[in-house]
Full PDB file with SEQRES, HELIX, SHEET, SSBOND, CRYST1, ORIGX, SCALE, CONECT and MASTER records, all heavy atoms in Angstrom:
SEQRES   1 A   41  GLU ARG ALA THR GLN GLU LEU ALA ARG ARG TYR ASP VAL          
SEQRES   2 A   41  VAL LEU VAL GLU GLY ALA GLY GLY LEU MET VAL PRO LEU          
SEQRES   3 A   41  THR ASP ASP TYR LEU THR ILE ASP TYR ILE ALA GLU LYS          
SEQRES   4 A   41  GLN TYR                                                      
HELIX    1 AA1 ARG A    2  ARG A   10  1                                   9    
HELIX    2 AA2 THR A   32  LYS A   39  1                                   8    
SHEET    1 AA1 2 PRO A  25  THR A  27  0                                        
SHEET    2 AA1 2 TYR A  30  LEU A  31 -1                                        
CRYST1    1.000    1.000    1.000  90.00  90.00  90.00 P 1           1          
ORIGX1      1.000000  0.000000  0.000000        0.00000                         
ORIGX2      0.000000  1.000000  0.000000        0.00000                         
ORIGX3      0.000000  0.000000  1.000000        0.00000                         
SCALE1      1.000000  0.000000  0.000000        0.00000                         
SCALE2      0.000000  1.000000  0.000000        0.00000                         
SCALE3      0.000000  0.000000  1.000000        0.00000                         
ATOM      1  N   GLU A   1       0.859  -1.176  -0.028  1.00  0.00           N  
ATOM      2  CA  GLU A   1       0.030  -0.008  -0.018  1.00  0.00           C  
ATOM      3  C   GLU A   1       0.916   1.284   0.006  1.00  0.00           C  
ATOM      4  O   GLU A   1       0.553   2.200  -0.716  1.00  0.00           O  
ATOM      5  CB  GLU A   1      -1.000  -0.062   1.228  1.00  0.00           C  
ATOM      6  CG  GLU A   1      -1.752   1.292   1.430  1.00  0.00           C  
ATOM      7  CD  GLU A   1      -2.750   1.477   0.384  1.00  0.00           C  
ATOM      8  OE1 GLU A   1      -3.040   0.559  -0.494  1.00  0.00           O  
ATOM      9  OE2 GLU A   1      -3.390   2.556   0.365  1.00  0.00           O  
ATOM     10  N   ARG A   2       1.881   1.289   0.849  1.00  0.00           N  
ATOM     11  CA  ARG A   2       2.805   2.422   0.892  1.00  0.00           C  
ATOM     12  C   ARG A   2       3.485   2.699  -0.461  1.00  0.00           C  
ATOM     13  O   ARG A   2       3.518   3.843  -0.987  1.00  0.00           O  
ATOM     14  CB  ARG A   2       3.800   2.283   2.039  1.00  0.00           C  
ATOM     15  CG  ARG A   2       3.214   2.344   3.406  1.00  0.00           C  
ATOM     16  CD  ARG A   2       4.303   2.392   4.479  1.00  0.00           C  
ATOM     17  NE  ARG A   2       5.121   1.282   4.479  1.00  0.00           N  
ATOM     18  CZ  ARG A   2       4.738   0.135   5.226  1.00  0.00           C  
ATOM     19  NH1 ARG A   2       3.662   0.144   5.955  1.00  0.00           N  
ATOM     20  NH2 ARG A   2       5.595  -0.884   5.230  1.00  0.00           N  
ATOM     21  N   ALA A   3       3.861   1.616  -1.132  1.00  0.00           N  
ATOM     22  CA  ALA A   3       4.597   1.770  -2.459  1.00  0.00           C  
ATOM     23  C   ALA A   3       3.538   2.300  -3.418  1.00  0.00           C  
ATOM     24  O   ALA A   3       3.967   3.110  -4.206  1.00  0.00           O  
ATOM     25  CB  ALA A   3       5.187   0.376  -2.784  1.00  0.00           C  
ATOM     26  N   THR A   4       2.433   1.650  -3.497  1.00  0.00           N  
ATOM     27  CA  THR A   4       1.435   2.093  -4.477  1.00  0.00           C  
ATOM     28  C   THR A   4       1.051   3.560  -4.340  1.00  0.00           C  
ATOM     29  O   THR A   4       0.966   4.276  -5.325  1.00  0.00           O  
ATOM     30  CB  THR A   4       0.189   1.164  -4.360  1.00  0.00           C  
ATOM     31  OG1 THR A   4       0.498  -0.172  -4.528  1.00  0.00           O  
ATOM     32  CG2 THR A   4      -0.791   1.611  -5.417  1.00  0.00           C  
ATOM     33  N   GLN A   5       0.850   3.968  -3.092  1.00  0.00           N  
ATOM     34  CA  GLN A   5       0.437   5.390  -2.823  1.00  0.00           C  
ATOM     35  C   GLN A   5       1.537   6.363  -3.176  1.00  0.00           C  
ATOM     36  O   GLN A   5       1.375   7.512  -3.664  1.00  0.00           O  
ATOM     37  CB  GLN A   5       0.060   5.536  -1.364  1.00  0.00           C  
ATOM     38  CG  GLN A   5      -1.246   4.838  -1.021  1.00  0.00           C  
ATOM     39  CD  GLN A   5      -2.458   5.381  -1.852  1.00  0.00           C  
ATOM     40  OE1 GLN A   5      -2.576   6.541  -2.119  1.00  0.00           O  
ATOM     41  NE2 GLN A   5      -3.390   4.489  -2.148  1.00  0.00           N  
ATOM     42  N   GLU A   6       2.877   5.878  -2.940  1.00  0.00           N  
ATOM     43  CA  GLU A   6       3.975   6.781  -3.262  1.00  0.00           C  
ATOM     44  C   GLU A   6       4.121   6.892  -4.837  1.00  0.00           C  
ATOM     45  O   GLU A   6       4.380   8.060  -5.353  1.00  0.00           O  
ATOM     46  CB  GLU A   6       5.244   6.213  -2.804  1.00  0.00           C  
ATOM     47  CG  GLU A   6       6.537   7.023  -3.059  1.00  0.00           C  
ATOM     48  CD  GLU A   6       6.478   8.427  -2.718  1.00  0.00           C  
ATOM     49  OE1 GLU A   6       5.836   8.713  -1.640  1.00  0.00           O  
ATOM     50  OE2 GLU A   6       7.181   9.254  -3.151  1.00  0.00           O  
ATOM     51  N   LEU A   7       3.839   5.755  -5.529  1.00  0.00           N  
ATOM     52  CA  LEU A   7       3.840   5.889  -7.023  1.00  0.00           C  
ATOM     53  C   LEU A   7       2.701   6.830  -7.522  1.00  0.00           C  
ATOM     54  O   LEU A   7       2.774   7.614  -8.455  1.00  0.00           O  
ATOM     55  CB  LEU A   7       3.628   4.413  -7.588  1.00  0.00           C  
ATOM     56  CG  LEU A   7       4.766   3.499  -7.475  1.00  0.00           C  
ATOM     57  CD1 LEU A   7       4.339   2.170  -8.092  1.00  0.00           C  
ATOM     58  CD2 LEU A   7       6.045   4.071  -8.053  1.00  0.00           C  
ATOM     59  N   ALA A   8       1.507   6.612  -6.829  1.00  0.00           N  
ATOM     60  CA  ALA A   8       0.361   7.511  -7.137  1.00  0.00           C  
ATOM     61  C   ALA A   8       0.648   9.003  -6.943  1.00  0.00           C  
ATOM     62  O   ALA A   8       0.190   9.921  -7.595  1.00  0.00           O  
ATOM     63  CB  ALA A   8      -0.890   7.142  -6.427  1.00  0.00           C  
ATOM     64  N   ARG A   9       1.553   9.285  -6.004  1.00  0.00           N  
ATOM     65  CA  ARG A   9       1.932  10.707  -5.678  1.00  0.00           C  
ATOM     66  C   ARG A   9       2.808  11.305  -6.754  1.00  0.00           C  
ATOM     67  O   ARG A   9       2.768  12.398  -7.120  1.00  0.00           O  
ATOM     68  CB  ARG A   9       2.641  10.801  -4.299  1.00  0.00           C  
ATOM     69  CG  ARG A   9       2.914  12.211  -3.807  1.00  0.00           C  
ATOM     70  CD  ARG A   9       3.687  12.158  -2.556  1.00  0.00           C  
ATOM     71  NE  ARG A   9       4.984  11.565  -2.701  1.00  0.00           N  
ATOM     72  CZ  ARG A   9       6.086  12.306  -3.200  1.00  0.00           C  
ATOM     73  NH1 ARG A   9       5.997  13.579  -3.533  1.00  0.00           N  
ATOM     74  NH2 ARG A   9       7.260  11.722  -3.304  1.00  0.00           N  
ATOM     75  N   ARG A  10       3.715  10.407  -7.372  1.00  0.00           N  
ATOM     76  CA  ARG A  10       4.674  10.798  -8.340  1.00  0.00           C  
ATOM     77  C   ARG A  10       4.175  10.828  -9.638  1.00  0.00           C  
ATOM     78  O   ARG A  10       4.695  11.531 -10.582  1.00  0.00           O  
ATOM     79  CB  ARG A  10       5.909   9.851  -8.290  1.00  0.00           C  
ATOM     80  CG  ARG A  10       6.604   9.858  -6.885  1.00  0.00           C  
ATOM     81  CD  ARG A  10       7.873   9.096  -6.933  1.00  0.00           C  
ATOM     82  NE  ARG A  10       8.496   8.850  -5.598  1.00  0.00           N  
ATOM     83  CZ  ARG A  10       9.547   8.224  -5.477  1.00  0.00           C  
ATOM     84  NH1 ARG A  10      10.281   7.685  -6.417  1.00  0.00           N  
ATOM     85  NH2 ARG A  10      10.129   7.937  -4.197  1.00  0.00           N  
ATOM     86  N   TYR A  11       3.189  10.062 -10.100  1.00  0.00           N  
ATOM     87  CA  TYR A  11       2.656   9.839 -11.463  1.00  0.00           C  
ATOM     88  C   TYR A  11       1.241  10.250 -11.710  1.00  0.00           C  
ATOM     89  O   TYR A  11       0.457  10.205 -10.659  1.00  0.00           O  
ATOM     90  CB  TYR A  11       2.937   8.429 -11.846  1.00  0.00           C  
ATOM     91  CG  TYR A  11       4.405   8.110 -12.122  1.00  0.00           C  
ATOM     92  CD1 TYR A  11       5.232   7.758 -11.169  1.00  0.00           C  
ATOM     93  CD2 TYR A  11       5.003   8.178 -13.454  1.00  0.00           C  
ATOM     94  CE1 TYR A  11       6.582   7.578 -11.364  1.00  0.00           C  
ATOM     95  CE2 TYR A  11       6.272   7.851 -13.687  1.00  0.00           C  
ATOM     96  CZ  TYR A  11       7.021   7.491 -12.679  1.00  0.00           C  
ATOM     97  OH  TYR A  11       8.457   7.250 -12.831  1.00  0.00           O  
ATOM     98  N   ASP A  12       0.857  10.476 -12.943  1.00  0.00           N  
ATOM     99  CA  ASP A  12      -0.564  10.694 -13.259  1.00  0.00           C  
ATOM    100  C   ASP A  12      -1.421   9.445 -13.177  1.00  0.00           C  
ATOM    101  O   ASP A  12      -2.540   9.489 -12.707  1.00  0.00           O  
ATOM    102  CB  ASP A  12      -0.719  11.223 -14.577  1.00  0.00           C  
ATOM    103  CG  ASP A  12      -0.106  12.663 -14.755  1.00  0.00           C  
ATOM    104  OD1 ASP A  12       0.030  13.396 -13.844  1.00  0.00           O  
ATOM    105  OD2 ASP A  12       0.514  12.876 -15.915  1.00  0.00           O  
ATOM    106  N   VAL A  13      -0.854   8.335 -13.525  1.00  0.00           N  
ATOM    107  CA  VAL A  13      -1.578   7.035 -13.582  1.00  0.00           C  
ATOM    108  C   VAL A  13      -0.667   5.936 -13.181  1.00  0.00           C  
ATOM    109  O   VAL A  13       0.398   5.804 -13.550  1.00  0.00           O  
ATOM    110  CB  VAL A  13      -2.048   6.662 -15.022  1.00  0.00           C  
ATOM    111  CG1 VAL A  13      -2.708   5.302 -15.024  1.00  0.00           C  
ATOM    112  CG2 VAL A  13      -3.050   7.733 -15.445  1.00  0.00           C  
ATOM    113  N   VAL A  14      -1.155   5.051 -12.167  1.00  0.00           N  
ATOM    114  CA  VAL A  14      -0.359   3.952 -11.753  1.00  0.00           C  
ATOM    115  C   VAL A  14      -1.213   2.586 -12.173  1.00  0.00           C  
ATOM    116  O   VAL A  14      -2.492   2.583 -11.923  1.00  0.00           O  
ATOM    117  CB  VAL A  14      -0.267   3.813 -10.199  1.00  0.00           C  
ATOM    118  CG1 VAL A  14       0.489   2.552  -9.763  1.00  0.00           C  
ATOM    119  CG2 VAL A  14       0.418   5.099  -9.718  1.00  0.00           C  
ATOM    120  N   LEU A  15      -0.653   1.737 -12.974  1.00  0.00           N  
ATOM    121  CA  LEU A  15      -1.244   0.532 -13.488  1.00  0.00           C  
ATOM    122  C   LEU A  15      -0.670  -0.599 -12.577  1.00  0.00           C  
ATOM    123  O   LEU A  15       0.526  -0.949 -12.695  1.00  0.00           O  
ATOM    124  CB  LEU A  15      -1.002   0.265 -14.889  1.00  0.00           C  
ATOM    125  CG  LEU A  15      -1.415   1.391 -15.836  1.00  0.00           C  
ATOM    126  CD1 LEU A  15      -1.137   0.959 -17.335  1.00  0.00           C  
ATOM    127  CD2 LEU A  15      -2.933   1.546 -15.703  1.00  0.00           C  
ATOM    128  N   VAL A  16      -1.471  -1.133 -11.683  1.00  0.00           N  
ATOM    129  CA  VAL A  16      -1.038  -2.270 -10.810  1.00  0.00           C  
ATOM    130  C   VAL A  16      -1.442  -3.623 -11.410  1.00  0.00           C  
ATOM    131  O   VAL A  16      -2.662  -3.887 -11.431  1.00  0.00           O  
ATOM    132  CB  VAL A  16      -1.760  -2.132  -9.366  1.00  0.00           C  
ATOM    133  CG1 VAL A  16      -1.283  -3.204  -8.487  1.00  0.00           C  
ATOM    134  CG2 VAL A  16      -1.407  -0.708  -8.827  1.00  0.00           C  
ATOM    135  N   GLU A  17      -0.487  -4.393 -11.744  1.00  0.00           N  
ATOM    136  CA  GLU A  17      -0.803  -5.786 -12.337  1.00  0.00           C  
ATOM    137  C   GLU A  17      -0.806  -6.771 -11.270  1.00  0.00           C  
ATOM    138  O   GLU A  17       0.041  -6.853 -10.334  1.00  0.00           O  
ATOM    139  CB  GLU A  17       0.437  -6.010 -13.325  1.00  0.00           C  
ATOM    140  CG  GLU A  17       0.057  -7.459 -14.001  1.00  0.00           C  
ATOM    141  CD  GLU A  17       1.178  -8.027 -14.787  1.00  0.00           C  
ATOM    142  OE1 GLU A  17       2.055  -7.184 -15.288  1.00  0.00           O  
ATOM    143  OE2 GLU A  17       1.229  -9.251 -15.054  1.00  0.00           O  
ATOM    144  N   GLY A  18      -1.891  -7.561 -11.318  1.00  0.00           N  
ATOM    145  CA  GLY A  18      -2.219  -8.546 -10.418  1.00  0.00           C  
ATOM    146  C   GLY A  18      -1.335  -9.898 -10.693  1.00  0.00           C  
ATOM    147  O   GLY A  18      -0.659  -9.914 -11.636  1.00  0.00           O  
ATOM    148  N   ALA A  19      -1.598 -10.905  -9.886  1.00  0.00           N  
ATOM    149  CA  ALA A  19      -1.028 -12.239 -10.104  1.00  0.00           C  
ATOM    150  C   ALA A  19      -2.111 -13.168 -10.392  1.00  0.00           C  
ATOM    151  O   ALA A  19      -2.914 -13.480  -9.605  1.00  0.00           O  
ATOM    152  CB  ALA A  19      -0.303 -12.698  -8.911  1.00  0.00           C  
ATOM    153  N   GLY A  20      -2.128 -13.637 -11.706  1.00  0.00           N  
ATOM    154  CA  GLY A  20      -3.154 -14.602 -12.085  1.00  0.00           C  
ATOM    155  C   GLY A  20      -4.580 -13.923 -12.307  1.00  0.00           C  
ATOM    156  O   GLY A  20      -4.602 -12.741 -12.525  1.00  0.00           O  
ATOM    157  N   GLY A  21      -5.602 -14.557 -12.053  1.00  0.00           N  
ATOM    158  CA  GLY A  21      -6.952 -14.116 -12.255  1.00  0.00           C  
ATOM    159  C   GLY A  21      -7.597 -13.480 -11.098  1.00  0.00           C  
ATOM    160  O   GLY A  21      -6.947 -13.348 -10.019  1.00  0.00           O  
ATOM    161  N   LEU A  22      -8.791 -13.104 -11.097  1.00  0.00           N  
ATOM    162  CA  LEU A  22      -9.511 -12.366 -10.036  1.00  0.00           C  
ATOM    163  C   LEU A  22      -9.606 -13.163  -8.729  1.00  0.00           C  
ATOM    164  O   LEU A  22      -9.500 -12.534  -7.649  1.00  0.00           O  
ATOM    165  CB  LEU A  22     -10.906 -11.988 -10.481  1.00  0.00           C  
ATOM    166  CG  LEU A  22     -10.980 -10.764 -11.487  1.00  0.00           C  
ATOM    167  CD1 LEU A  22     -12.491 -10.707 -11.994  1.00  0.00           C  
ATOM    168  CD2 LEU A  22     -10.597  -9.502 -10.875  1.00  0.00           C  
ATOM    169  N   MET A  23      -9.867 -14.380  -8.879  1.00  0.00           N  
ATOM    170  CA  MET A  23     -10.161 -15.267  -7.631  1.00  0.00           C  
ATOM    171  C   MET A  23      -8.858 -15.948  -7.084  1.00  0.00           C  
ATOM    172  O   MET A  23      -9.018 -16.750  -6.153  1.00  0.00           O  
ATOM    173  CB  MET A  23     -11.063 -16.323  -8.030  1.00  0.00           C  
ATOM    174  CG  MET A  23     -12.385 -15.782  -8.623  1.00  0.00           C  
ATOM    175  SD  MET A  23     -13.354 -14.610  -7.449  1.00  0.00           S  
ATOM    176  CE  MET A  23     -14.056 -15.760  -6.334  1.00  0.00           C  
ATOM    177  N   VAL A  24      -7.672 -15.514  -7.601  1.00  0.00           N  
ATOM    178  CA  VAL A  24      -6.375 -16.062  -6.998  1.00  0.00           C  
ATOM    179  C   VAL A  24      -6.369 -15.631  -5.578  1.00  0.00           C  
ATOM    180  O   VAL A  24      -6.455 -14.449  -5.179  1.00  0.00           O  
ATOM    181  CB  VAL A  24      -5.224 -15.587  -7.763  1.00  0.00           C  
ATOM    182  CG1 VAL A  24      -3.868 -15.862  -7.105  1.00  0.00           C  
ATOM    183  CG2 VAL A  24      -5.215 -16.224  -9.120  1.00  0.00           C  
ATOM    184  N   PRO A  25      -6.079 -16.700  -4.616  1.00  0.00           N  
ATOM    185  CA  PRO A  25      -5.889 -16.312  -3.183  1.00  0.00           C  
ATOM    186  C   PRO A  25      -4.578 -15.703  -2.823  1.00  0.00           C  
ATOM    187  O   PRO A  25      -3.553 -16.077  -3.395  1.00  0.00           O  
ATOM    188  CB  PRO A  25      -6.037 -17.689  -2.466  1.00  0.00           C  
ATOM    189  CG  PRO A  25      -5.662 -18.742  -3.558  1.00  0.00           C  
ATOM    190  CD  PRO A  25      -6.046 -18.100  -4.891  1.00  0.00           C  
ATOM    191  N   LEU A  26      -4.682 -14.587  -2.097  1.00  0.00           N  
ATOM    192  CA  LEU A  26      -3.548 -13.848  -1.567  1.00  0.00           C  
ATOM    193  C   LEU A  26      -3.218 -14.521  -0.168  1.00  0.00           C  
ATOM    194  O   LEU A  26      -2.003 -14.577   0.168  1.00  0.00           O  
ATOM    195  CB  LEU A  26      -3.859 -12.476  -1.453  1.00  0.00           C  
ATOM    196  CG  LEU A  26      -4.199 -11.801  -2.768  1.00  0.00           C  
ATOM    197  CD1 LEU A  26      -4.407 -10.123  -2.499  1.00  0.00           C  
ATOM    198  CD2 LEU A  26      -3.219 -11.948  -3.836  1.00  0.00           C  
ATOM    199  N   THR A  27      -4.134 -14.840   0.597  1.00  0.00           N  
ATOM    200  CA  THR A  27      -3.999 -15.597   1.863  1.00  0.00           C  
ATOM    201  C   THR A  27      -5.108 -16.617   1.763  1.00  0.00           C  
ATOM    202  O   THR A  27      -5.808 -16.777   0.834  1.00  0.00           O  
ATOM    203  CB  THR A  27      -4.180 -14.798   3.022  1.00  0.00           C  
ATOM    204  OG1 THR A  27      -5.596 -14.378   3.256  1.00  0.00           O  
ATOM    205  CG2 THR A  27      -3.348 -13.465   3.022  1.00  0.00           C  
ATOM    206  N   ASP A  28      -5.091 -17.501   2.847  1.00  0.00           N  
ATOM    207  CA  ASP A  28      -6.104 -18.586   2.791  1.00  0.00           C  
ATOM    208  C   ASP A  28      -7.517 -18.055   2.773  1.00  0.00           C  
ATOM    209  O   ASP A  28      -8.445 -18.792   2.365  1.00  0.00           O  
ATOM    210  CB  ASP A  28      -5.900 -19.392   4.104  1.00  0.00           C  
ATOM    211  CG  ASP A  28      -4.663 -20.326   3.918  1.00  0.00           C  
ATOM    212  OD1 ASP A  28      -4.168 -20.528   2.854  1.00  0.00           O  
ATOM    213  OD2 ASP A  28      -4.197 -20.828   5.052  1.00  0.00           O  
ATOM    214  N   ASP A  29      -7.754 -16.786   3.190  1.00  0.00           N  
ATOM    215  CA  ASP A  29      -9.173 -16.239   3.250  1.00  0.00           C  
ATOM    216  C   ASP A  29      -9.390 -14.895   2.639  1.00  0.00           C  
ATOM    217  O   ASP A  29     -10.240 -14.180   2.997  1.00  0.00           O  
ATOM    218  CB  ASP A  29      -9.725 -16.410   4.698  1.00  0.00           C  
ATOM    219  CG  ASP A  29      -8.804 -15.618   5.709  1.00  0.00           C  
ATOM    220  OD1 ASP A  29      -7.882 -14.939   5.250  1.00  0.00           O  
ATOM    221  OD2 ASP A  29      -9.171 -15.577   6.853  1.00  0.00           O  
ATOM    222  N   TYR A  30      -8.454 -14.573   1.792  1.00  0.00           N  
ATOM    223  CA  TYR A  30      -8.480 -13.257   1.204  1.00  0.00           C  
ATOM    224  C   TYR A  30      -8.010 -13.353  -0.293  1.00  0.00           C  
ATOM    225  O   TYR A  30      -6.900 -13.809  -0.631  1.00  0.00           O  
ATOM    226  CB  TYR A  30      -7.460 -12.360   1.920  1.00  0.00           C  
ATOM    227  CG  TYR A  30      -7.493 -10.912   1.609  1.00  0.00           C  
ATOM    228  CD1 TYR A  30      -8.702 -10.137   1.737  1.00  0.00           C  
ATOM    229  CD2 TYR A  30      -6.338 -10.276   1.333  1.00  0.00           C  
ATOM    230  CE1 TYR A  30      -8.730  -8.768   1.394  1.00  0.00           C  
ATOM    231  CE2 TYR A  30      -6.328  -8.793   1.075  1.00  0.00           C  
ATOM    232  CZ  TYR A  30      -7.397  -8.139   1.021  1.00  0.00           C  
ATOM    233  OH  TYR A  30      -7.454  -6.754   0.770  1.00  0.00           O  
ATOM    234  N   LEU A  31      -8.910 -13.068  -1.197  1.00  0.00           N  
ATOM    235  CA  LEU A  31      -8.719 -13.257  -2.614  1.00  0.00           C  
ATOM    236  C   LEU A  31      -8.219 -11.989  -3.282  1.00  0.00           C  
ATOM    237  O   LEU A  31      -8.522 -10.832  -2.725  1.00  0.00           O  
ATOM    238  CB  LEU A  31     -10.050 -13.739  -3.339  1.00  0.00           C  
ATOM    239  CG  LEU A  31     -10.667 -14.901  -2.769  1.00  0.00           C  
ATOM    240  CD1 LEU A  31     -11.940 -15.262  -3.438  1.00  0.00           C  
ATOM    241  CD2 LEU A  31      -9.710 -16.248  -2.804  1.00  0.00           C  
ATOM    242  N   THR A  32      -7.730 -12.096  -4.461  1.00  0.00           N  
ATOM    243  CA  THR A  32      -7.298 -10.895  -5.219  1.00  0.00           C  
ATOM    244  C   THR A  32      -8.569  -9.874  -5.437  1.00  0.00           C  
ATOM    245  O   THR A  32      -8.468  -8.683  -5.311  1.00  0.00           O  
ATOM    246  CB  THR A  32      -6.802 -11.222  -6.690  1.00  0.00           C  
ATOM    247  OG1 THR A  32      -5.592 -12.056  -6.463  1.00  0.00           O  
ATOM    248  CG2 THR A  32      -6.401  -9.944  -7.465  1.00  0.00           C  
ATOM    249  N   ILE A  33      -9.674 -10.371  -5.789  1.00  0.00           N  
ATOM    250  CA  ILE A  33     -10.908  -9.680  -5.973  1.00  0.00           C  
ATOM    251  C   ILE A  33     -11.371  -8.966  -4.689  1.00  0.00           C  
ATOM    252  O   ILE A  33     -11.843  -7.830  -4.813  1.00  0.00           O  
ATOM    253  CB  ILE A  33     -12.027 -10.419  -6.536  1.00  0.00           C  
ATOM    254  CG1 ILE A  33     -13.114  -9.577  -7.114  1.00  0.00           C  
ATOM    255  CG2 ILE A  33     -12.600 -11.441  -5.467  1.00  0.00           C  
ATOM    256  CD1 ILE A  33     -14.255 -10.286  -7.945  1.00  0.00           C  
ATOM    257  N   ASP A  34     -11.001  -9.542  -3.518  1.00  0.00           N  
ATOM    258  CA  ASP A  34     -11.274  -8.888  -2.306  1.00  0.00           C  
ATOM    259  C   ASP A  34     -10.390  -7.531  -2.137  1.00  0.00           C  
ATOM    260  O   ASP A  34     -10.916  -6.596  -1.561  1.00  0.00           O  
ATOM    261  CB  ASP A  34     -11.154  -9.838  -1.042  1.00  0.00           C  
ATOM    262  CG  ASP A  34     -12.015 -11.054  -1.097  1.00  0.00           C  
ATOM    263  OD1 ASP A  34     -13.134 -10.933  -1.587  1.00  0.00           O  
ATOM    264  OD2 ASP A  34     -11.415 -12.122  -0.758  1.00  0.00           O  
ATOM    265  N   TYR A  35      -9.212  -7.736  -2.554  1.00  0.00           N  
ATOM    266  CA  TYR A  35      -8.182  -6.687  -2.454  1.00  0.00           C  
ATOM    267  C   TYR A  35      -8.593  -5.453  -3.380  1.00  0.00           C  
ATOM    268  O   TYR A  35      -8.659  -4.483  -2.887  1.00  0.00           O  
ATOM    269  CB  TYR A  35      -6.893  -7.197  -2.839  1.00  0.00           C  
ATOM    270  CG  TYR A  35      -5.776  -6.204  -2.687  1.00  0.00           C  
ATOM    271  CD1 TYR A  35      -5.027  -5.930  -1.572  1.00  0.00           C  
ATOM    272  CD2 TYR A  35      -5.345  -5.403  -3.825  1.00  0.00           C  
ATOM    273  CE1 TYR A  35      -4.008  -4.982  -1.461  1.00  0.00           C  
ATOM    274  CE2 TYR A  35      -4.318  -4.556  -3.795  1.00  0.00           C  
ATOM    275  CZ  TYR A  35      -3.622  -4.291  -2.575  1.00  0.00           C  
ATOM    276  OH  TYR A  35      -2.665  -3.431  -2.463  1.00  0.00           O  
ATOM    277  N   ILE A  36      -9.132  -5.740  -4.511  1.00  0.00           N  
ATOM    278  CA  ILE A  36      -9.583  -4.781  -5.488  1.00  0.00           C  
ATOM    279  C   ILE A  36     -10.673  -4.039  -4.907  1.00  0.00           C  
ATOM    280  O   ILE A  36     -10.801  -2.873  -5.020  1.00  0.00           O  
ATOM    281  CB  ILE A  36      -9.764  -5.388  -6.841  1.00  0.00           C  
ATOM    282  CG1 ILE A  36      -8.666  -6.043  -7.516  1.00  0.00           C  
ATOM    283  CG2 ILE A  36     -10.314  -4.227  -7.812  1.00  0.00           C  
ATOM    284  CD1 ILE A  36      -8.941  -6.999  -8.629  1.00  0.00           C  
ATOM    285  N   ALA A  37     -11.664  -4.800  -4.360  1.00  0.00           N  
ATOM    286  CA  ALA A  37     -12.964  -4.261  -3.794  1.00  0.00           C  
ATOM    287  C   ALA A  37     -12.601  -3.364  -2.582  1.00  0.00           C  
ATOM    288  O   ALA A  37     -13.180  -2.392  -2.433  1.00  0.00           O  
ATOM    289  CB  ALA A  37     -13.936  -5.394  -3.560  1.00  0.00           C  
ATOM    290  N   GLU A  38     -11.701  -3.790  -1.730  1.00  0.00           N  
ATOM    291  CA  GLU A  38     -11.280  -3.075  -0.552  1.00  0.00           C  
ATOM    292  C   GLU A  38     -10.678  -1.868  -0.955  1.00  0.00           C  
ATOM    293  O   GLU A  38     -11.063  -0.725  -0.348  1.00  0.00           O  
ATOM    294  CB  GLU A  38     -10.373  -3.916   0.334  1.00  0.00           C  
ATOM    295  CG  GLU A  38      -9.987  -3.191   1.548  1.00  0.00           C  
ATOM    296  CD  GLU A  38      -8.977  -4.141   2.348  1.00  0.00           C  
ATOM    297  OE1 GLU A  38      -9.283  -5.184   2.722  1.00  0.00           O  
ATOM    298  OE2 GLU A  38      -7.798  -3.648   2.441  1.00  0.00           O  
ATOM    299  N   LYS A  39      -9.755  -1.665  -1.880  1.00  0.00           N  
ATOM    300  CA  LYS A  39      -9.023  -0.570  -2.274  1.00  0.00           C  
ATOM    301  C   LYS A  39      -9.912   0.386  -3.191  1.00  0.00           C  
ATOM    302  O   LYS A  39      -9.524   1.482  -3.458  1.00  0.00           O  
ATOM    303  CB  LYS A  39      -7.742  -0.993  -3.083  1.00  0.00           C  
ATOM    304  CG  LYS A  39      -6.804  -1.715  -2.199  1.00  0.00           C  
ATOM    305  CD  LYS A  39      -6.374  -1.038  -0.916  1.00  0.00           C  
ATOM    306  CE  LYS A  39      -5.375  -1.808  -0.074  1.00  0.00           C  
ATOM    307  NZ  LYS A  39      -5.080  -1.266   1.229  1.00  0.00           N  
ATOM    308  N   GLN A  40     -10.960  -0.220  -3.673  1.00  0.00           N  
ATOM    309  CA  GLN A  40     -11.859   0.526  -4.625  1.00  0.00           C  
ATOM    310  C   GLN A  40     -11.107   0.977  -5.890  1.00  0.00           C  
ATOM    311  O   GLN A  40     -11.477   2.030  -6.396  1.00  0.00           O  
ATOM    312  CB  GLN A  40     -12.664   1.693  -3.923  1.00  0.00           C  
ATOM    313  CG  GLN A  40     -13.463   1.223  -2.799  1.00  0.00           C  
ATOM    314  CD  GLN A  40     -14.234   2.341  -2.121  1.00  0.00           C  
ATOM    315  OE1 GLN A  40     -13.835   3.495  -2.174  1.00  0.00           O  
ATOM    316  NE2 GLN A  40     -15.436   2.077  -1.559  1.00  0.00           N  
ATOM    317  N   TYR A  41     -10.291   0.122  -6.316  1.00  0.00           N  
ATOM    318  CA  TYR A  41      -9.614   0.529  -7.577  1.00  0.00           C  
ATOM    319  C   TYR A  41     -10.426   0.256  -8.697  1.00  0.00           C  
ATOM    320  O   TYR A  41     -11.065  -0.776  -8.885  1.00  0.00           O  
ATOM    321  CB  TYR A  41      -8.263  -0.360  -7.750  1.00  0.00           C  
ATOM    322  CG  TYR A  41      -7.158  -0.079  -6.682  1.00  0.00           C  
ATOM    323  CD1 TYR A  41      -6.336  -1.162  -6.332  1.00  0.00           C  
ATOM    324  CD2 TYR A  41      -7.089   1.210  -6.179  1.00  0.00           C  
ATOM    325  CE1 TYR A  41      -5.244  -0.910  -5.446  1.00  0.00           C  
ATOM    326  CE2 TYR A  41      -5.956   1.401  -5.251  1.00  0.00           C  
ATOM    327  CZ  TYR A  41      -5.176   0.348  -4.925  1.00  0.00           C  
ATOM    328  OH  TYR A  41      -4.155   0.604  -3.905  1.00  0.00           O  
TER     329      TYR A  41                                                      
MASTER        0    0    0    2    2    0    0    6  328    1    0    4          
END                                                                             
């Protein structure tokens, strides 16, 4: 989060590439799609 926000401060647009598809798990109970929804990207 800190890295992404710092990039957003320096640039007009930040393109954050995920790993795999939307439903790929980041932890046992937290999916990539949950991360996107939480950040409201």
